[in-house]
Amino acid sequence: MMIVTIQLSKLLIYAKRPYNVIIGEYMSLMAILVFIFGLTNNSIMRLNHEMFSSFLILTPTYQLIYVIIGIIFVLIIGFYLNDKN
């Protein structure tokens, strides 16, 4: 993980935006991820897998994937509009 982080940080030399803006965007994404984990933690801790079929167990996962895809879509649109201006 550290090697990947070091290699990715070398790419920041070629970034169009300042380093602190990129770190701020990363921290915003991490905050959203921690918020999603915090919302789902109590539900996951109380799950009794004997009373669910396999489809019902995967349904919250699909909803979480849809939320993540939506967030990525909004970020891509934001990056596009920011670069266009």
Protein backbone atom coordinates (compact mmCIF):
# COMPACT_ATOMS: atom_id res chain seq x y z
CA MET A 1 0.00 0.00 0.00
CA MET A 2 2.84 2.38 0.80
CA ILE A 3 4.55 1.69 -2.52
CA VAL A 4 1.33 2.46 -4.41
CA THR A 5 0.89 5.69 -2.43
CA ILE A 6 4.45 6.80 -3.17
CA GLN A 7 4.07 6.06 -6.88
CA LEU A 8 0.77 7.94 -7.04
CA SER A 9 2.24 10.92 -5.21
CA LYS A 10 4.92 11.19 -7.90
CA LEU A 11 2.11 11.78 -10.42
CA LEU A 12 0.99 14.86 -8.48
CA ILE A 13 3.90 16.78 -10.03
CA TYR A 14 1.91 16.82 -13.28
CA ALA A 15 -1.42 17.78 -11.67
CA LYS A 16 -3.19 20.90 -12.92
CA ARG A 17 -4.48 21.81 -9.48
CA PRO A 18 -2.41 22.58 -6.38
CA TYR A 19 -1.44 19.74 -4.08
CA ASN A 20 -3.59 20.97 -1.15
CA VAL A 21 -6.73 20.98 -3.34
CA ILE A 22 -6.12 17.38 -4.37
CA ILE A 23 -5.59 16.33 -0.74
CA GLY A 24 -8.78 18.18 0.23
CA GLU A 25 -10.77 16.29 -2.40
CA TYR A 26 -9.31 13.00 -1.18
CA MET A 27 -10.21 13.81 2.41
CA SER A 28 -13.77 14.70 1.32
CA LEU A 29 -14.12 11.32 -0.37
CA MET A 30 -12.76 9.56 2.70
CA ALA A 31 -15.23 11.46 4.90
CA ILE A 32 -18.11 10.27 2.70
CA LEU A 33 -16.82 6.69 2.95
CA VAL A 34 -16.51 6.85 6.74
CA PHE A 35 -20.01 8.37 6.92
CA ILE A 36 -21.43 5.45 4.89
CA PHE A 37 -19.60 2.96 7.12
CA GLY A 38 -20.97 4.70 10.20
CA LEU A 39 -24.55 4.58 8.88
CA THR A 40 -24.40 0.87 8.10
CA ASN A 41 -22.41 -0.32 11.14
CA ASN A 42 -25.36 -0.87 13.53
CA SER A 43 -27.38 -2.71 10.89
CA ILE A 44 -24.50 -5.00 10.06
CA MET A 45 -23.77 -5.75 13.72
CA ARG A 46 -27.39 -6.82 14.35
CA LEU A 47 -27.73 -9.08 11.31
CA ASN A 48 -28.82 -12.63 11.93
CA HIS A 49 -27.84 -14.50 8.79
CA GLU A 50 -30.13 -17.47 9.54
CA MET A 51 -33.26 -15.44 8.84
CA PHE A 52 -32.18 -14.07 5.45
CA SER A 53 -31.86 -15.65 2.06
CA SER A 54 -28.75 -14.89 0.06
CA PHE A 55 -30.58 -12.38 -2.15
CA LEU A 56 -31.77 -10.31 0.81
CA ILE A 57 -28.27 -10.19 2.27
CA LEU A 58 -26.87 -8.80 -0.99
CA THR A 59 -29.62 -6.17 -1.46
CA PRO A 60 -28.04 -3.55 0.89
CA THR A 61 -24.73 -4.14 -0.86
CA TYR A 62 -26.31 -3.31 -4.22
CA GLN A 63 -27.83 -0.16 -2.76
CA LEU A 64 -24.43 0.87 -1.39
CA ILE A 65 -22.85 0.26 -4.80
CA TYR A 66 -25.52 2.48 -6.40
CA VAL A 67 -24.73 5.24 -3.89
CA ILE A 68 -21.00 4.97 -4.62
CA ILE A 69 -21.62 5.05 -8.39
CA GLY A 70 -23.82 8.14 -7.90
CA ILE A 71 -21.12 9.91 -5.89
CA ILE A 72 -18.51 9.10 -8.54
CA PHE A 73 -20.86 10.37 -11.27
CA VAL A 74 -21.41 13.66 -9.43
CA LEU A 75 -17.65 14.07 -8.91
CA ILE A 76 -16.93 13.45 -12.60
CA ILE A 77 -19.51 16.06 -13.60
CA GLY A 78 -17.98 18.48 -11.08
CA PHE A 79 -14.47 17.91 -12.41
CA TYR A 80 -15.70 18.42 -15.98
CA LEU A 81 -17.48 21.67 -15.16
CA ASN A 82 -14.49 22.90 -13.13
CA ASP A 83 -12.06 22.20 -15.98
CA LYS A 84 -14.45 23.78 -18.50
CA ASN A 85 -14.47 27.04 -16.55
